N, C-alpha and C. Protein backbone atom coordinates (compact mmCIF):
# COMPACT_ATOMS: atom_id res chain seq x y z
N MET A 1 -8.42 26.19 20.84
CA MET A 1 -8.71 26.10 19.84
C MET A 1 -9.07 24.44 19.53
N LYS A 2 -10.36 24.27 18.84
CA LYS A 2 -10.17 22.61 18.74
C LYS A 2 -10.49 22.23 17.68
N THR A 3 -9.51 21.27 17.06
CA THR A 3 -9.68 20.81 15.92
C THR A 3 -10.51 19.40 15.73
N GLU A 4 -10.73 19.36 14.72
CA GLU A 4 -11.15 17.80 14.08
C GLU A 4 -11.10 17.49 12.82
N LEU A 5 -10.55 16.16 12.70
CA LEU A 5 -10.50 15.31 11.32
C LEU A 5 -11.88 14.74 10.94
N ARG A 6 -12.90 15.13 9.69
CA ARG A 6 -13.94 14.22 10.12
C ARG A 6 -13.68 13.54 8.88
N GLN A 7 -14.44 11.90 8.55
CA GLN A 7 -14.18 11.34 7.36
C GLN A 7 -15.53 11.77 6.30
N LEU A 8 -15.57 11.77 5.07
CA LEU A 8 -16.29 11.66 4.43
C LEU A 8 -17.61 11.16 4.82
N SER A 9 -18.99 11.61 4.75
CA SER A 9 -20.13 10.49 4.99
C SER A 9 -21.32 11.10 3.56
N ILE A 10 -22.03 10.11 3.28
CA ILE A 10 -22.84 10.47 1.96
C ILE A 10 -23.74 11.54 2.60
N THR A 11 -23.96 11.60 3.89
CA THR A 11 -24.76 12.70 4.50
C THR A 11 -24.48 13.98 5.05
N ASP A 12 -22.95 13.93 4.37
CA ASP A 12 -22.39 15.67 4.71
C ASP A 12 -23.39 16.62 3.62
N GLY A 13 -23.84 17.61 4.57
CA GLY A 13 -24.21 18.66 3.81
C GLY A 13 -23.93 19.55 3.50
N LYS A 14 -24.54 21.18 2.98
CA LYS A 14 -24.20 22.44 2.73
C LYS A 14 -22.49 23.02 3.37
N GLU A 15 -22.55 22.44 4.02
CA GLU A 15 -21.03 22.89 5.11
C GLU A 15 -20.24 22.74 3.82
N VAL A 16 -20.12 21.52 3.95
CA VAL A 16 -18.89 20.76 3.55
C VAL A 16 -19.34 21.24 1.70
N TYR A 17 -20.30 21.22 1.38
CA TYR A 17 -20.52 21.47 0.11
C TYR A 17 -19.59 22.90 -0.38
N GLU A 18 -20.55 23.96 1.08
CA GLU A 18 -19.62 25.33 0.51
C GLU A 18 -18.02 25.65 0.64
N LEU A 19 -17.58 24.52 1.92
CA LEU A 19 -16.30 24.72 1.57
C LEU A 19 -15.28 23.98 0.37
N LEU A 20 -16.31 23.34 -0.14
CA LEU A 20 -15.33 22.86 -1.59
C LEU A 20 -15.80 23.69 -2.81
N GLN A 21 -16.81 24.94 -2.54
CA GLN A 21 -16.70 25.69 -3.70
C GLN A 21 -15.37 26.55 -3.58
N GLN A 22 -15.40 26.71 -2.55
CA GLN A 22 -13.99 27.97 -1.79
C GLN A 22 -12.80 27.44 -2.56
N ILE A 23 -12.55 26.16 -2.52
CA ILE A 23 -11.46 25.53 -2.83
C ILE A 23 -11.32 25.37 -4.30
N PRO A 24 -10.25 25.83 -5.05
CA PRO A 24 -10.14 25.75 -6.44
C PRO A 24 -10.18 24.73 -7.18
N ALA A 25 -10.73 24.77 -8.51
CA ALA A 25 -10.61 23.13 -8.97
C ALA A 25 -9.43 22.66 -8.95
N GLN A 26 -8.18 23.30 -9.30
CA GLN A 26 -6.89 22.82 -10.01
C GLN A 26 -5.84 24.21 -8.87
N GLU A 27 -5.17 23.60 -8.28
CA GLU A 27 -4.09 24.67 -7.74
C GLU A 27 -3.25 24.07 -6.90
N CYS A 28 -2.18 24.35 -7.58
CA CYS A 28 -0.66 23.94 -6.92
C CYS A 28 -0.76 22.25 -6.91
N GLY A 29 -1.07 21.57 -8.09
CA GLY A 29 -1.46 19.79 -8.09
C GLY A 29 -2.21 19.55 -7.42
N TYR A 30 -3.11 20.11 -6.60
CA TYR A 30 -4.40 19.55 -6.07
C TYR A 30 -5.37 19.79 -6.85
N SER A 31 -5.87 18.51 -7.01
CA SER A 31 -7.66 18.76 -7.92
C SER A 31 -8.96 18.25 -6.47
N ASN A 32 -9.83 19.29 -7.00
CA ASN A 32 -10.95 19.34 -6.11
C ASN A 32 -11.93 19.38 -7.45
N SER A 33 -12.54 17.91 -7.58
CA SER A 33 -13.20 17.55 -8.66
C SER A 33 -14.71 17.89 -7.89
N ALA A 34 -15.29 18.69 -6.98
CA ALA A 34 -16.27 18.83 -6.39
C ALA A 34 -16.78 20.42 -6.69
N HIS A 35 -15.24 20.78 -7.14
CA HIS A 35 -15.94 22.53 -7.46
C HIS A 35 -16.63 23.01 -8.33
N GLY A 36 -17.34 23.62 -8.51
CA GLY A 36 -18.15 24.07 -9.75
C GLY A 36 -19.31 23.05 -9.86
N LEU A 37 -20.03 22.39 -9.17
CA LEU A 37 -21.16 21.06 -9.15
C LEU A 37 -21.83 21.51 -8.28
N SER A 38 -23.04 21.50 -8.85
CA SER A 38 -24.74 21.59 -8.35
C SER A 38 -24.89 20.99 -6.76
N TYR A 39 -25.44 21.43 -6.02
CA TYR A 39 -25.56 20.84 -4.55
C TYR A 39 -25.91 19.39 -4.86
N GLU A 40 -26.95 18.98 -6.11
CA GLU A 40 -27.35 17.41 -6.60
C GLU A 40 -26.19 16.82 -6.75
N GLN A 41 -25.83 17.43 -8.04
CA GLN A 41 -24.25 17.03 -8.25
C GLN A 41 -22.84 16.57 -6.75
N PHE A 42 -23.06 17.10 -6.27
CA PHE A 42 -22.23 17.09 -4.91
C PHE A 42 -22.72 16.15 -4.35
N GLN A 43 -24.30 15.62 -4.28
CA GLN A 43 -24.68 14.73 -3.01
C GLN A 43 -24.03 13.63 -3.92
N ALA A 44 -24.09 13.29 -5.51
CA ALA A 44 -23.83 12.04 -6.04
C ALA A 44 -22.10 11.53 -5.32
N TRP A 45 -21.67 12.94 -5.73
CA TRP A 45 -20.11 12.86 -5.91
C TRP A 45 -19.52 12.52 -4.43
N LEU A 46 -20.85 12.75 -3.23
CA LEU A 46 -20.45 11.85 -1.64
C LEU A 46 -20.53 10.60 -1.81
N ILE A 47 -21.33 9.97 -2.88
CA ILE A 47 -21.66 8.57 -2.44
C ILE A 47 -20.34 7.88 -3.74
N GLU A 48 -19.93 8.35 -4.91
CA GLU A 48 -18.95 8.21 -5.09
C GLU A 48 -17.43 8.14 -4.57
N LYS A 49 -17.29 9.12 -3.97
CA LYS A 49 -16.30 9.22 -3.28
C LYS A 49 -15.55 8.32 -2.09
N ASN A 50 -17.58 7.86 -1.11
CA ASN A 50 -17.82 7.05 -0.69
C ASN A 50 -17.20 5.73 -0.81
N ASP A 51 -17.66 5.41 -1.76
CA ASP A 51 -17.40 3.92 -2.47
C ASP A 51 -15.39 4.05 -2.80
N TYR A 52 -15.09 5.10 -3.16
CA TYR A 52 -13.59 5.11 -3.56
C TYR A 52 -13.08 4.44 -2.69
N ALA A 53 -13.55 4.79 -1.26
CA ALA A 53 -12.83 4.90 0.10
C ALA A 53 -13.28 3.11 0.65
N HIS A 54 -14.01 2.31 -0.15
CA HIS A 54 -14.34 1.18 -0.17
C HIS A 54 -13.44 0.22 -0.97
N GLY A 55 -13.38 0.75 -1.91
CA GLY A 55 -12.26 0.25 -3.44
C GLY A 55 -13.36 -0.36 -4.05
N LEU A 56 -14.89 0.55 -4.19
CA LEU A 56 -15.92 0.33 -5.12
C LEU A 56 -16.12 0.98 -6.18
N HIS A 57 -16.11 0.46 -7.45
CA HIS A 57 -16.80 1.04 -8.74
C HIS A 57 -15.65 2.24 -8.78
N MET A 58 -14.28 1.79 -9.05
CA MET A 58 -13.21 2.71 -9.30
C MET A 58 -12.69 2.29 -10.96
N ALA A 59 -12.26 3.19 -11.48
CA ALA A 59 -11.18 2.97 -13.01
C ALA A 59 -10.33 2.27 -12.92
N ASP A 60 -9.74 1.36 -13.57
CA ASP A 60 -8.64 0.45 -13.22
C ASP A 60 -7.62 1.20 -12.89
N TRP A 61 -7.18 2.05 -13.19
CA TRP A 61 -5.79 3.05 -12.77
C TRP A 61 -5.37 3.63 -11.42
N MET A 62 -7.32 3.48 -10.63
CA MET A 62 -7.14 4.23 -9.53
C MET A 62 -6.84 3.26 -7.92
N VAL A 63 -6.33 3.98 -6.86
CA VAL A 63 -6.49 2.97 -5.62
C VAL A 63 -7.62 3.46 -4.82
N PRO A 64 -7.97 2.62 -3.98
CA PRO A 64 -8.69 3.29 -2.90
C PRO A 64 -8.31 4.83 -1.92
N SER A 65 -9.15 5.81 -1.94
CA SER A 65 -8.60 6.85 -1.39
C SER A 65 -9.86 7.22 -0.03
N SER A 66 -9.39 7.67 0.63
CA SER A 66 -10.53 8.33 1.59
C SER A 66 -10.30 9.93 2.10
N GLU A 67 -11.57 10.20 1.87
CA GLU A 67 -11.33 11.93 1.79
C GLU A 67 -12.06 12.36 3.42
N TYR A 68 -11.24 13.39 3.78
CA TYR A 68 -11.44 13.94 5.11
C TYR A 68 -11.92 15.49 4.91
N TRP A 69 -12.34 16.08 6.32
CA TRP A 69 -12.94 17.63 6.15
C TRP A 69 -12.16 17.62 7.37
N PHE A 70 -11.40 18.85 7.48
CA PHE A 70 -10.58 19.51 8.85
C PHE A 70 -11.49 20.56 9.71
N LEU A 71 -12.16 20.51 10.52
CA LEU A 71 -12.66 21.83 11.20
C LEU A 71 -11.84 21.98 12.32
N VAL A 72 -12.26 23.51 12.24
CA VAL A 72 -11.35 24.18 13.79
C VAL A 72 -12.73 24.99 14.26
N ASP A 73 -12.54 24.83 15.72
CA ASP A 73 -13.52 25.20 16.61
C ASP A 73 -14.83 25.28 15.38
N GLY A 74 -15.42 24.07 15.18
CA GLY A 74 -16.46 23.84 14.33
C GLY A 74 -16.78 24.32 12.91
N VAL A 75 -16.13 25.11 12.21
CA VAL A 75 -15.79 25.44 11.20
C VAL A 75 -14.89 24.48 9.74
N TYR A 76 -15.38 24.17 8.62
CA TYR A 76 -14.56 23.63 7.78
C TYR A 76 -13.73 24.24 7.35
N VAL A 77 -12.96 24.08 7.56
CA VAL A 77 -11.34 24.72 6.87
C VAL A 77 -10.90 23.91 5.58
N GLY A 78 -10.79 22.68 5.54
CA GLY A 78 -9.74 22.15 5.01
C GLY A 78 -10.05 20.88 4.30
N ASN A 79 -9.77 20.53 3.65
CA ASN A 79 -10.34 19.10 2.81
C ASN A 79 -8.83 17.96 2.63
N ILE A 80 -8.48 17.21 2.62
CA ILE A 80 -7.16 16.19 2.42
C ILE A 80 -7.96 14.92 2.32
N ARG A 81 -7.03 14.10 1.00
CA ARG A 81 -7.41 12.96 0.59
C ARG A 81 -6.03 12.13 1.34
N LEU A 82 -6.24 11.10 1.53
CA LEU A 82 -5.45 9.70 1.79
C LEU A 82 -5.56 8.76 0.97
N ARG A 83 -4.34 8.37 -0.24
CA ARG A 83 -4.90 6.97 -0.77
C ARG A 83 -4.29 5.93 -0.07
N HIS A 84 -4.55 4.76 0.08
CA HIS A 84 -4.78 3.91 0.75
C HIS A 84 -3.34 3.17 0.27
N ASN A 85 -2.96 3.05 -0.91
CA ASN A 85 -1.78 2.70 -1.55
C ASN A 85 -1.24 3.67 -2.62
N LEU A 86 -0.30 2.91 -3.46
CA LEU A 86 0.39 3.70 -4.53
C LEU A 86 0.36 2.64 -5.72
N THR A 87 0.25 3.39 -7.05
CA THR A 87 0.69 2.40 -7.83
C THR A 87 1.87 3.15 -8.54
N PRO A 88 2.65 2.16 -9.58
CA PRO A 88 3.70 2.86 -9.99
C PRO A 88 3.78 4.58 -10.46
N ALA A 89 2.40 4.79 -11.26
CA ALA A 89 1.94 6.22 -11.48
C ALA A 89 2.09 7.07 -10.30
N LEU A 90 1.68 6.63 -9.57
CA LEU A 90 1.23 7.72 -8.29
C LEU A 90 2.66 8.07 -7.48
N ARG A 91 3.37 6.60 -7.44
CA ARG A 91 4.71 6.65 -6.40
C ARG A 91 5.27 7.94 -7.77
N SER A 92 5.22 7.78 -8.87
CA SER A 92 6.63 8.84 -9.51
C SER A 92 5.55 10.39 -9.82
N SER A 93 4.50 10.53 -9.05
CA SER A 93 4.26 11.98 -9.52
C SER A 93 3.56 12.35 -8.09
N SER A 94 2.17 11.96 -7.63
CA SER A 94 1.55 12.59 -6.92
C SER A 94 1.73 11.51 -5.50
N GLY A 95 1.48 10.76 -5.02
CA GLY A 95 1.64 10.52 -4.03
C GLY A 95 0.43 9.62 -2.80
N HIS A 96 0.69 9.18 -1.72
CA HIS A 96 -0.71 9.14 -0.82
C HIS A 96 -1.71 10.26 -0.23
N ILE A 97 -1.03 11.30 -0.13
CA ILE A 97 -1.90 12.52 0.47
C ILE A 97 -1.68 13.76 -0.43
N GLY A 98 -2.86 14.27 -0.32
CA GLY A 98 -3.22 15.29 -1.03
C GLY A 98 -4.42 16.57 -0.35
N TYR A 99 -3.69 17.45 -0.07
CA TYR A 99 -4.72 18.49 0.59
C TYR A 99 -4.54 19.98 0.15
N ALA A 100 -6.10 20.62 0.85
CA ALA A 100 -6.11 22.26 0.35
C ALA A 100 -6.70 22.76 1.65
N ILE A 101 -6.55 23.87 1.89
CA ILE A 101 -7.13 24.83 2.89
C ILE A 101 -7.88 26.11 1.86
N ALA A 102 -8.76 26.14 2.98
CA ALA A 102 -9.50 27.16 1.78
C ALA A 102 -9.20 28.31 1.95
N PRO A 103 -8.95 29.41 0.93
CA PRO A 103 -8.03 30.53 0.83
C PRO A 103 -8.38 31.52 2.42
N ALA A 104 -9.42 31.58 2.93
CA ALA A 104 -9.72 32.61 3.80
C ALA A 104 -9.14 31.77 4.80
N TYR A 105 -8.98 30.82 5.12
CA TYR A 105 -8.11 29.83 6.27
C TYR A 105 -6.93 30.02 6.00
N ARG A 106 -6.24 30.44 5.62
CA ARG A 106 -4.97 29.97 4.88
C ARG A 106 -3.56 30.62 5.97
N LYS A 107 -2.66 30.38 6.35
CA LYS A 107 -1.20 31.12 6.99
C LYS A 107 -2.10 30.77 8.34
N LYS A 108 -2.66 30.31 8.59
CA LYS A 108 -2.80 30.31 10.26
C LYS A 108 -2.87 28.72 10.78
N GLY A 109 -1.46 28.19 9.95
CA GLY A 109 -1.10 26.52 10.44
C GLY A 109 -2.05 25.62 10.65
N TYR A 110 -3.12 25.73 10.00
CA TYR A 110 -4.19 24.75 9.85
C TYR A 110 -3.91 23.26 9.08
N ALA A 111 -2.98 24.02 7.64
CA ALA A 111 -2.79 22.61 7.08
C ALA A 111 -1.73 21.87 7.74
N LYS A 112 -0.91 22.63 8.50
CA LYS A 112 -0.18 21.45 9.47
C LYS A 112 -0.53 20.36 10.55
N LEU A 113 -1.67 20.77 10.93
CA LEU A 113 -2.56 20.50 11.80
C LEU A 113 -3.68 19.47 11.18
N MET A 114 -4.11 19.60 10.19
CA MET A 114 -4.70 18.30 9.39
C MET A 114 -3.67 17.55 8.79
N LEU A 115 -2.54 18.04 8.23
CA LEU A 115 -1.85 16.65 8.00
C LEU A 115 -1.61 15.44 9.08
N GLN A 116 -1.01 16.34 10.26
CA GLN A 116 -0.65 15.54 11.28
C GLN A 116 -1.95 14.80 11.47
N ALA A 117 -3.47 15.19 11.80
CA ALA A 117 -4.47 14.39 11.83
C ALA A 117 -4.39 13.00 10.60
N VAL A 118 -4.25 13.46 9.59
CA VAL A 118 -4.53 12.27 8.50
C VAL A 118 -3.22 11.34 8.57
N LEU A 119 -1.82 11.91 9.17
CA LEU A 119 -1.08 11.01 9.52
C LEU A 119 -1.68 9.75 10.62
N GLN A 120 -2.33 10.06 11.29
CA GLN A 120 -2.98 9.13 12.17
C GLN A 120 -3.71 7.91 11.26
N GLU A 121 -4.15 8.70 10.52
CA GLU A 121 -5.41 7.70 9.77
C GLU A 121 -4.42 6.60 8.71
N ALA A 122 -3.24 7.35 8.17
CA ALA A 122 -2.45 6.46 7.41
C ALA A 122 -1.87 5.34 8.70
N ARG A 123 -1.39 5.65 9.73
CA ARG A 123 -1.15 4.64 10.65
C ARG A 123 -2.05 3.42 10.75
N LYS A 124 -3.52 3.94 10.64
CA LYS A 124 -4.71 2.97 10.72
C LYS A 124 -4.66 1.81 9.53
N LEU A 125 -3.97 2.37 8.64
CA LEU A 125 -4.16 1.71 7.54
C LEU A 125 -2.85 1.00 7.54
N SER A 126 -2.11 0.99 8.61
CA SER A 126 -0.75 0.03 8.47
C SER A 126 0.25 0.35 7.19
N LEU A 127 0.07 1.51 6.88
CA LEU A 127 1.50 2.52 6.08
C LEU A 127 2.56 2.60 7.03
N ASN A 128 3.34 2.14 6.78
CA ASN A 128 4.77 2.57 7.12
C ASN A 128 5.53 3.96 6.99
N GLU A 129 5.13 4.34 5.76
CA GLU A 129 5.77 5.54 5.27
C GLU A 129 4.30 6.44 4.21
N VAL A 130 4.57 7.51 4.43
CA VAL A 130 3.57 7.93 3.05
C VAL A 130 4.47 9.11 2.24
N MET A 131 3.92 8.91 0.85
CA MET A 131 4.82 9.59 0.03
C MET A 131 3.69 11.12 -0.35
N LEU A 132 4.23 12.36 -0.18
CA LEU A 132 3.82 14.04 -0.88
C LEU A 132 4.31 14.03 -1.90
N SER A 133 3.42 14.87 -2.77
CA SER A 133 4.23 15.87 -3.70
C SER A 133 3.94 17.15 -3.45
N ALA A 134 4.71 18.19 -3.83
CA ALA A 134 4.22 19.49 -4.12
C ALA A 134 4.79 20.26 -5.24
N ASP A 135 4.36 21.39 -5.58
CA ASP A 135 4.61 21.99 -6.55
C ASP A 135 6.15 22.57 -5.85
N LYS A 136 7.05 22.72 -7.21
CA LYS A 136 8.69 23.35 -6.75
C LYS A 136 8.68 24.74 -5.93
N ASP A 137 7.79 25.53 -6.25
CA ASP A 137 7.38 27.08 -5.74
C ASP A 137 6.26 27.08 -4.90
N ASN A 138 5.91 25.89 -4.38
CA ASN A 138 4.63 25.56 -3.33
C ASN A 138 5.52 25.92 -1.79
N ILE A 139 6.05 27.04 -1.45
CA ILE A 139 6.87 27.21 -0.11
C ILE A 139 6.17 26.90 0.86
N ALA A 140 4.64 27.36 0.96
CA ALA A 140 3.99 27.09 2.27
C ALA A 140 3.51 25.62 2.19
N SER A 141 3.65 24.73 1.30
CA SER A 141 3.10 23.37 1.08
C SER A 141 4.51 22.68 1.65
N ARG A 142 5.44 23.17 1.35
CA ARG A 142 6.93 22.50 1.51
C ARG A 142 6.98 22.57 2.91
N LYS A 143 6.91 23.98 3.79
CA LYS A 143 7.32 24.20 5.00
C LYS A 143 6.16 22.92 5.98
N THR A 144 5.20 22.92 5.48
CA THR A 144 4.20 21.99 6.02
C THR A 144 4.37 20.55 6.16
N ILE A 145 4.63 19.99 5.04
CA ILE A 145 5.22 18.66 4.99
C ILE A 145 6.41 18.48 5.72
N GLU A 146 7.58 19.43 5.59
CA GLU A 146 8.74 19.30 6.40
C GLU A 146 8.37 18.96 7.97
N ALA A 147 7.52 20.19 8.12
CA ALA A 147 6.84 20.48 9.56
C ALA A 147 6.57 19.04 10.26
N CYS A 148 5.88 18.33 9.42
CA CYS A 148 5.57 16.82 9.75
C CYS A 148 6.31 15.87 9.46
N GLY A 149 7.77 15.99 9.52
CA GLY A 149 8.72 15.01 9.18
C GLY A 149 9.02 14.62 7.75
N GLY A 150 8.68 15.58 6.80
CA GLY A 150 8.60 15.36 5.69
C GLY A 150 10.27 14.96 4.80
N GLN A 151 10.71 14.04 4.57
CA GLN A 151 12.08 13.94 3.87
C GLN A 151 12.05 14.44 2.58
N LEU A 152 12.89 15.10 1.80
CA LEU A 152 12.90 15.34 0.46
C LEU A 152 13.69 14.64 -0.36
N GLU A 153 12.95 13.55 -1.09
CA GLU A 153 13.53 12.67 -1.80
C GLU A 153 13.81 12.57 -3.24
N LYS A 154 13.26 13.96 -4.06
CA LYS A 154 13.92 13.89 -5.53
C LYS A 154 13.12 15.55 -5.59
N GLU A 155 13.75 16.32 -6.38
CA GLU A 155 13.01 17.40 -6.76
C GLU A 155 13.63 17.83 -8.49
N SER A 156 12.74 18.31 -8.91
CA SER A 156 12.46 18.44 -10.72
C SER A 156 12.53 19.89 -10.80
N ASP A 157 12.04 20.02 -12.02
CA ASP A 157 12.03 21.30 -12.50
C ASP A 157 10.80 22.11 -11.59
N HIS A 158 9.70 21.02 -11.74
CA HIS A 158 8.48 21.53 -11.41
C HIS A 158 7.57 21.01 -9.75
N ASN A 159 8.11 20.22 -9.47
CA ASN A 159 7.76 19.58 -8.21
C ASN A 159 9.08 19.00 -7.72
N VAL A 160 8.16 18.54 -6.29
CA VAL A 160 9.45 17.69 -5.41
C VAL A 160 8.55 16.81 -4.69
N ILE A 161 9.48 15.88 -3.73
CA ILE A 161 8.61 14.34 -3.81
C ILE A 161 9.31 14.42 -2.55
N TYR A 162 8.67 14.23 -1.24
CA TYR A 162 8.77 14.14 0.20
C TYR A 162 8.56 12.70 0.70
N TRP A 163 8.79 12.16 1.96
CA TRP A 163 8.46 10.92 2.34
C TRP A 163 8.37 11.03 3.80
N ILE A 164 7.36 10.70 4.48
CA ILE A 164 7.51 10.74 5.88
C ILE A 164 7.33 9.27 6.62
N LYS A 165 8.20 9.14 7.20
CA LYS A 165 7.95 7.66 8.04
C LYS A 165 7.22 8.04 9.26
N LEU A 166 6.38 6.81 9.27
CA LEU A 166 5.10 6.97 10.26
C LEU A 166 5.26 5.82 11.52
């Protein structure tokens, strides 16, 4: 099995578009703002997300973030987002990393491989640790985070917060 983490490019095409249409708009705390867009809207979305990776044209509450696609044997199976830093609001609820695997590719261990790959990208940003959150009942995500070294910091009625030292 060959895996690859590929950073968003403004030239990404139909394969990425189709992946993002498979991932729900909102699921287990993950937001996929490309879901339901037309292909033309998706192309503008790529430019916007590329700008965000460079800290451009963002709302005041936002931080730079990079989008990545995860491929297994050349097939797009997941999306993962890495925020370059945290605001106090992000520190209290969301974290540095959010990810989703398309439903057809779940329960194959791909989320763990994808998270491990993006942790290498976090190191390149000189992050010493990263925060991730998950819905309290999302056992699959919790196991993924823990398998990658996640240490539980706190648990509320609805979500959990983990930190991974890099």
